[in-house]
Amino acid sequence: MAMLMAAAAMHGCMEWDYGVTEDFSAPSDGLFIVCEGNFQYGNATLSYYDPATREVENEVFYRANGMKLGDVAQSMTMYDGRGWIVVNNSHVVFAIDPATFREVGRIENLTSPRYIHFVSPTKAYVSQLWDNRIFIVDPSTCEITGHITVPDMAMGNGSTEQMVQYGRYVFCNCWSYQNRIIKIDTETDRVVESLTVGIQPVSLVLDGNGKLWTLTDGGYEGSPYGYEAPSLYRIDAATFTVERQFRFRRGDTPRDLQLAGDMLYWLSDDVWRMGVTSSRLAVRPFIESRDTKYYALTVSPRSGEVYVADAIDYQQQGMIYRYDADGGLVDEFYVGVTPGAFCWR
């Protein structure tokens, strides 16, 4: 009965017609590549890669559903047997069956969604760009059920970004013209505390020792909010205090922080990594750049292999480079325009 009720709830989200579609049955150990496309072009796409066979299927959302993914696909998260794709400038989050790529639900009427974090089967948070609210949604019905107001948004046009959870609290980095990590109580859906870090924290992860890690990009020269050297911060989640600050050089561009086991990875022209117990930043890159535009990064939770997205010129198909755990090139393949995020199934 519970299964039937859940299916009925998901079906209740679907009030649209499909066009010509293809049938897929994707292997369970695969990688989704979310390709942003170009702003206002509506050419975002989704690709799926099978590491075992080294086969890639491009534009799988369009081919499976007979409709385009939308304008600027931002991120994707797996939860409760569904893949949730956040499409920023189309103001929507799609839910898909990860094996067939068929749509099974959508959350609409969002401002400018960035990331989705699941608190429970009936509650999730959706962060926003240019909005001082985090939307509360019910994944089982695809409905917006409320908002969390984020106080003191700088310059009136900030954003909330990535979210991680420690106990009953969700932590979120505030990026554009911001310098804070906020702490949300999931029982009251309120911001209960805020921690100041460097200018524009761009990413956030939580390690197995209960430590939050965030990268700040330092802003840009001439920014009305300020410009400084980027930093990597280690924050104790239990006490919500900064334990360590690792400073980069001014002009460095660290971004896309990833965690795999006890290792941190990030992009800054090259691919860098360091242990969570390290006392200093890495001094040599783990994988050197191919003198191109490394744009996104992920690490396989099963094999430790590293995948790097190359946006090339942001106009043509992007390239994905697959490296083994020691940094040796294993494979490379084309995907859609501006590959900007990954999601492991």
Protein backbone atom coordinates (compact mmCIF):
# COMPACT_ATOMS: atom_id res chain seq x y z
CA MET A 1 0.00 0.00 0.00
CA ALA A 2 2.83 2.44 0.88
CA MET A 3 4.44 1.80 -2.50
CA LEU A 4 1.14 2.49 -4.26
CA MET A 5 0.63 5.72 -2.33
CA ALA A 6 4.17 6.90 -3.15
CA ALA A 7 3.64 6.07 -6.81
CA ALA A 8 0.35 7.94 -6.81
CA ALA A 9 1.98 10.98 -5.24
CA MET A 10 4.71 11.03 -7.87
CA HIS A 11 2.15 10.54 -10.63
CA GLY A 12 0.30 13.52 -9.25
CA CYS A 13 3.28 15.70 -10.21
CA MET A 14 2.99 14.71 -13.88
CA GLU A 15 0.44 16.74 -15.84
CA TRP A 16 2.17 16.99 -19.19
CA ASP A 17 2.48 15.01 -22.40
CA TYR A 18 5.64 13.34 -23.68
CA GLY A 19 6.79 13.52 -27.28
CA VAL A 20 8.78 10.90 -29.18
CA THR A 21 10.93 8.97 -26.71
CA GLU A 22 13.61 6.28 -26.56
CA ASP A 23 13.78 3.41 -24.11
CA PHE A 24 16.84 3.11 -21.86
CA SER A 25 17.96 0.68 -19.19
CA ALA A 26 21.12 2.18 -17.74
CA PRO A 27 23.58 0.16 -15.63
CA SER A 28 23.42 0.93 -11.93
CA ASP A 29 27.07 1.91 -11.47
CA GLY A 30 27.25 4.97 -13.65
CA LEU A 31 27.93 8.70 -13.75
CA PHE A 32 25.56 11.49 -14.74
CA ILE A 33 27.13 14.58 -16.30
CA VAL A 34 25.03 17.74 -16.02
CA CYS A 35 25.77 20.15 -18.87
CA GLU A 36 24.72 23.75 -18.29
CA GLY A 37 24.49 24.82 -21.91
CA ASN A 38 24.46 28.57 -22.52
CA PHE A 39 22.49 31.13 -20.54
CA GLN A 40 19.10 31.86 -22.21
CA TYR A 41 19.75 29.33 -25.01
CA GLY A 42 17.75 26.51 -23.41
CA ASN A 43 20.39 23.97 -24.46
CA ALA A 44 21.16 22.26 -21.15
CA THR A 45 21.62 18.49 -21.49
CA LEU A 46 22.23 15.37 -19.43
CA SER A 47 24.75 12.62 -20.26
CA TYR A 48 25.29 9.17 -18.71
CA TYR A 49 28.61 7.31 -18.63
CA ASP A 50 29.21 3.64 -17.84
CA PRO A 51 32.75 3.29 -16.39
CA ALA A 52 32.77 -0.48 -16.94
CA THR A 53 32.17 -0.33 -20.71
CA ARG A 54 33.41 3.25 -21.26
CA GLU A 55 30.22 4.00 -23.17
CA VAL A 56 28.54 7.39 -22.98
CA GLU A 57 24.99 8.36 -23.90
CA ASN A 58 24.45 12.07 -24.54
CA GLU A 59 21.23 14.11 -24.32
CA VAL A 60 19.51 11.29 -22.43
CA PHE A 61 16.85 13.52 -20.84
CA TYR A 62 15.71 14.78 -24.24
CA ARG A 63 15.86 11.34 -25.83
CA ALA A 64 14.00 9.63 -22.98
CA ASN A 65 11.32 12.30 -22.51
CA GLY A 66 10.91 13.97 -25.88
CA MET A 67 11.50 17.39 -24.32
CA LYS A 68 14.50 19.58 -23.60
CA LEU A 69 16.00 19.79 -20.13
CA GLY A 70 15.84 23.60 -20.08
CA ASP A 71 18.05 26.61 -19.49
CA VAL A 72 21.21 26.24 -17.37
CA ALA A 73 21.24 22.87 -15.60
CA GLN A 74 23.01 23.57 -12.33
CA SER A 75 23.30 20.37 -10.24
CA MET A 76 21.96 16.87 -9.66
CA THR A 77 21.41 14.78 -6.52
CA MET A 78 20.38 11.15 -5.99
CA TYR A 79 17.81 10.47 -3.28
CA ASP A 80 15.36 7.68 -2.57
CA GLY A 81 15.89 5.99 -5.94
CA ARG A 82 15.40 9.18 -7.96
CA GLY A 83 17.73 11.60 -9.68
CA TRP A 84 16.86 15.25 -8.97
CA ILE A 85 18.11 17.74 -11.59
CA VAL A 86 18.14 21.44 -10.71
CA VAL A 87 17.67 23.70 -13.76
CA ASN A 88 18.51 27.21 -12.69
CA ASN A 89 17.10 29.60 -15.28
CA SER A 90 14.09 27.40 -16.00
CA HIS A 91 13.09 27.68 -12.32
CA VAL A 92 12.49 23.94 -12.00
CA VAL A 93 13.77 20.74 -10.43
CA PHE A 94 13.09 17.54 -12.39
CA ALA A 95 12.92 14.09 -10.81
CA ILE A 96 13.90 11.20 -13.08
CA ASP A 97 14.13 7.43 -12.93
CA PRO A 98 17.94 6.92 -13.01
CA ALA A 99 17.67 3.72 -15.08
CA THR A 100 15.27 4.92 -17.78
CA PHE A 101 15.96 8.68 -17.55
CA ARG A 102 12.18 9.22 -17.68
CA GLU A 103 10.70 12.12 -15.75
CA VAL A 104 8.69 11.10 -12.70
CA GLY A 105 8.05 14.51 -11.17
CA ARG A 106 8.93 18.20 -11.20
CA ILE A 107 9.04 21.05 -8.72
CA GLU A 108 8.13 24.34 -10.40
CA ASN A 109 7.82 28.05 -9.61
CA LEU A 110 11.22 28.34 -7.98
CA THR A 111 13.13 31.63 -8.23
CA SER A 112 16.55 30.56 -9.46
CA PRO A 113 17.37 27.16 -7.92
CA ARG A 114 20.95 26.03 -7.32
CA TYR A 115 21.07 22.87 -5.16
CA ILE A 116 18.63 20.54 -3.43
CA HIS A 117 19.24 18.88 -0.07
CA PHE A 118 16.96 16.18 1.33
CA VAL A 119 16.11 16.30 5.02
CA SER A 120 13.56 13.46 4.84
CA PRO A 121 11.32 11.75 2.26
CA THR A 122 8.81 14.58 2.76
CA LYS A 123 11.11 17.59 3.19
CA ALA A 124 13.91 19.08 1.14
CA TYR A 125 15.60 22.47 0.89
CA VAL A 126 16.30 24.22 -2.43
CA SER A 127 18.90 27.02 -2.37
CA GLN A 128 18.46 30.06 -4.63
CA LEU A 129 20.42 32.67 -6.55
CA TRP A 130 19.30 36.32 -6.15
CA ASP A 131 16.80 35.42 -3.44
CA ASN A 132 17.03 35.65 0.35
CA ARG A 133 14.84 32.56 0.73
CA ILE A 134 15.61 28.86 0.73
CA PHE A 135 12.54 27.02 -0.55
CA ILE A 136 11.09 24.14 1.46
CA VAL A 137 9.58 21.43 -0.74
CA ASP A 138 7.88 18.06 -0.30
CA PRO A 139 9.59 15.57 -2.66
CA SER A 140 6.70 13.12 -2.36
CA THR A 141 4.24 15.60 -3.86
CA CYS A 142 6.61 17.98 -5.69
CA GLU A 143 5.01 20.93 -3.90
CA ILE A 144 6.55 24.02 -2.31
CA THR A 145 5.54 23.99 1.34
CA GLY A 146 7.34 27.01 2.74
CA HIS A 147 10.46 29.16 2.84
CA ILE A 148 13.43 29.82 5.09
CA THR A 149 14.32 33.51 5.16
CA VAL A 150 18.07 34.13 5.23
CA PRO A 151 18.71 37.39 7.10
CA ASP A 152 21.22 40.09 6.22
CA MET A 153 21.78 39.25 2.56
CA ALA A 154 24.54 41.64 1.51
CA MET A 155 23.73 44.19 -1.21
CA GLY A 156 20.27 42.66 -1.56
CA ASN A 157 21.26 40.15 -4.21
CA GLY A 158 23.15 37.34 -2.56
CA SER A 159 22.66 33.61 -2.92
CA THR A 160 22.59 30.37 -1.02
CA GLU A 161 24.47 27.43 -2.48
CA GLN A 162 25.57 23.95 -1.37
CA MET A 163 24.18 22.27 1.72
CA VAL A 164 25.44 19.53 4.04
CA GLN A 165 23.87 18.10 7.18
CA TYR A 166 25.35 17.35 10.59
CA GLY A 167 22.79 15.97 13.03
CA ARG A 168 19.65 18.09 12.97
CA TYR A 169 21.44 21.05 11.40
CA VAL A 170 21.95 21.90 7.73
CA PHE A 171 24.88 24.16 6.85
CA CYS A 172 24.87 26.25 3.68
CA ASN A 173 27.43 28.56 2.09
CA CYS A 174 26.25 32.03 1.03
CA TRP A 175 28.20 32.92 -2.09
CA SER A 176 27.48 35.94 -4.30
CA TYR A 177 28.53 39.11 -2.42
CA GLN A 178 28.46 37.13 0.81
CA ASN A 179 30.98 35.85 3.35
CA ARG A 180 28.99 33.49 5.53
CA ILE A 181 28.12 29.91 6.32
CA ILE A 182 24.63 29.68 7.80
CA LYS A 183 23.26 27.03 10.17
CA ILE A 184 19.64 25.90 9.78
CA ASP A 185 17.66 23.98 12.37
CA THR A 186 15.71 21.35 10.40
CA GLU A 187 13.15 21.00 13.19
CA THR A 188 12.13 24.67 13.07
CA ASP A 189 13.26 25.52 9.49
CA ARG A 190 15.00 28.65 10.73
CA VAL A 191 18.50 30.08 10.41
CA VAL A 192 19.84 29.87 13.95
CA GLU A 193 23.45 30.94 13.51
CA SER A 194 25.89 32.41 11.01
CA LEU A 195 29.67 32.18 10.72
CA THR A 196 31.83 34.73 8.91
CA VAL A 197 34.54 33.40 6.57
CA GLY A 198 36.32 34.92 3.59
CA ILE A 199 34.72 36.66 0.62
CA GLN A 200 32.41 34.43 -1.42
CA PRO A 201 32.53 30.83 -0.18
CA VAL A 202 32.01 28.82 -3.37
CA SER A 203 31.65 25.25 -2.12
CA LEU A 204 31.07 23.22 1.01
CA VAL A 205 31.73 19.61 2.11
CA LEU A 206 31.55 17.67 5.39
CA ASP A 207 34.21 15.07 6.21
CA GLY A 208 33.97 11.94 8.34
CA ASN A 209 35.47 13.74 11.34
CA GLY A 210 32.61 16.23 11.60
CA LYS A 211 34.58 19.04 9.94
CA LEU A 212 33.11 21.43 7.41
CA TRP A 213 35.40 22.58 4.60
CA THR A 214 34.71 25.60 2.44
CA LEU A 215 36.63 27.36 -0.32
CA THR A 216 36.34 31.12 -0.77
CA ASP A 217 37.13 32.70 -4.13
CA GLY A 218 38.09 36.11 -2.72
CA GLY A 219 35.83 38.07 -5.05
CA TYR A 220 37.28 39.92 -8.02
CA GLU A 221 39.31 43.03 -8.65
CA GLY A 222 37.01 46.04 -8.61
CA SER A 223 34.20 44.23 -6.82
CA PRO A 224 32.08 46.56 -4.66
CA TYR A 225 32.09 43.83 -2.01
CA GLY A 226 35.89 43.60 -1.87
CA TYR A 227 38.76 41.54 -3.22
CA GLU A 228 41.18 39.36 -1.25
CA ALA A 229 43.22 36.18 -1.48
CA PRO A 230 41.11 32.99 -1.55
CA SER A 231 41.17 30.59 1.39
CA LEU A 232 40.30 27.06 2.42
CA TYR A 233 38.61 26.91 5.84
CA ARG A 234 38.19 23.99 8.23
CA ILE A 235 35.21 24.45 10.54
CA ASP A 236 34.16 22.25 13.43
CA ALA A 237 30.49 21.40 12.80
CA ALA A 238 29.71 20.71 16.46
CA THR A 239 30.93 24.08 17.78
CA PHE A 240 30.51 25.99 14.49
CA THR A 241 33.90 27.66 14.83
CA VAL A 242 36.80 28.07 12.41
CA GLU A 243 39.66 25.73 13.31
CA ARG A 244 42.06 26.47 10.47
CA GLN A 245 42.47 28.82 7.53
CA PHE A 246 44.69 27.87 4.58
CA ARG A 247 45.51 30.89 2.41
CA PHE A 248 46.05 30.80 -1.35
CA ARG A 249 47.82 33.46 -3.35
CA ARG A 250 45.82 36.44 -4.49
CA GLY A 251 44.73 35.74 -8.05
CA ASP A 252 44.42 31.97 -7.55
CA THR A 253 41.02 30.55 -8.52
CA PRO A 254 40.22 27.56 -6.25
CA ARG A 255 36.72 26.11 -6.76
CA ASP A 256 34.65 22.95 -6.92
CA LEU A 257 35.82 21.41 -3.64
CA GLN A 258 35.25 17.63 -3.47
CA LEU A 259 35.73 15.05 -0.74
CA ALA A 260 36.66 11.40 -1.26
CA GLY A 261 37.44 9.42 1.88
CA ASP A 262 39.99 11.47 3.78
CA MET A 263 41.16 13.45 0.75
CA LEU A 264 40.08 16.88 -0.47
CA TYR A 265 40.20 17.74 -4.18
CA TRP A 266 39.67 21.06 -5.93
CA LEU A 267 40.32 22.89 -9.19
CA SER A 268 42.61 25.88 -9.60
CA ASP A 269 43.79 25.71 -13.21
CA ASP A 270 45.10 22.22 -12.32
CA VAL A 271 43.60 19.49 -10.10
CA TRP A 272 44.85 19.65 -6.51
CA ARG A 273 44.41 17.40 -3.50
CA MET A 274 45.35 17.24 0.17
CA GLY A 275 44.49 15.10 3.18
CA VAL A 276 41.95 16.33 5.72
CA THR A 277 44.65 16.09 8.40
CA SER A 278 47.25 18.02 6.39
CA SER A 279 48.88 21.03 8.02
CA ARG A 280 49.43 22.92 4.76
CA LEU A 281 48.07 23.28 1.24
CA ALA A 282 49.41 21.04 -1.50
CA VAL A 283 52.46 22.55 -3.20
CA ARG A 284 52.25 20.55 -6.45
CA PRO A 285 49.19 19.77 -8.56
CA PHE A 286 47.86 16.22 -8.56
CA ILE A 287 46.87 16.44 -12.24
CA GLU A 288 48.26 19.22 -14.38
CA SER A 289 46.01 21.23 -16.65
CA ARG A 290 45.88 20.59 -20.38
CA ASP A 291 46.05 24.37 -20.89
CA THR A 292 42.29 24.54 -21.24
CA LYS A 293 39.21 25.34 -19.13
CA TYR A 294 38.80 22.76 -16.38
CA TYR A 295 35.30 23.54 -15.19
CA ALA A 296 34.04 20.78 -12.88
CA LEU A 297 35.38 17.86 -10.87
CA THR A 298 34.25 14.63 -9.23
CA VAL A 299 35.88 11.61 -7.61
CA SER A 300 34.40 8.13 -7.83
CA PRO A 301 33.27 6.97 -4.37
CA ARG A 302 34.00 3.36 -5.42
CA SER A 303 37.31 3.50 -7.29
CA GLY A 304 38.86 6.84 -6.32
CA GLU A 305 39.13 7.73 -10.01
CA VAL A 306 39.03 11.44 -10.85
CA TYR A 307 36.79 12.92 -13.56
CA VAL A 308 37.44 16.42 -14.84
CA ALA A 309 35.09 18.41 -17.08
CA ASP A 310 36.64 20.63 -19.74
CA ALA A 311 34.35 23.38 -21.01
CA ILE A 312 36.77 24.11 -23.92
CA ASP A 313 35.22 27.35 -25.26
CA TYR A 314 31.74 27.17 -23.67
CA GLN A 315 30.22 26.90 -27.16
CA GLN A 316 31.06 23.45 -28.48
CA GLN A 317 30.65 20.05 -26.83
CA GLY A 318 32.67 19.74 -23.64
CA MET A 319 35.13 16.96 -22.84
CA ILE A 320 35.38 14.69 -19.80
CA TYR A 321 38.79 13.31 -18.77
CA ARG A 322 38.85 10.21 -16.59
CA TYR A 323 41.98 9.59 -14.48
CA ASP A 324 42.86 6.63 -12.29
CA ALA A 325 43.51 7.06 -8.56
CA ASP A 326 47.18 7.81 -9.31
CA GLY A 327 46.42 10.50 -11.88
CA GLY A 328 46.94 8.45 -15.05
CA LEU A 329 44.61 9.15 -17.98
CA VAL A 330 42.14 6.30 -18.51
CA ASP A 331 39.53 7.67 -20.92
CA GLU A 332 38.14 10.82 -22.50
CA PHE A 333 34.78 11.49 -24.11
CA TYR A 334 32.55 14.30 -25.37
CA VAL A 335 29.35 15.39 -23.62
CA GLY A 336 27.15 18.49 -23.95
CA VAL A 337 27.94 22.20 -23.86
CA THR A 338 29.57 23.43 -20.64
CA PRO A 339 29.65 20.31 -18.44
CA GLY A 340 29.35 21.80 -14.97
CA ALA A 341 28.34 19.09 -12.48
CA PHE A 342 28.42 15.34 -11.84
CA CYS A 343 26.22 12.89 -9.97
CA TRP A 344 27.08 9.28 -9.12
CA ARG A 345 24.35 6.71 -9.30
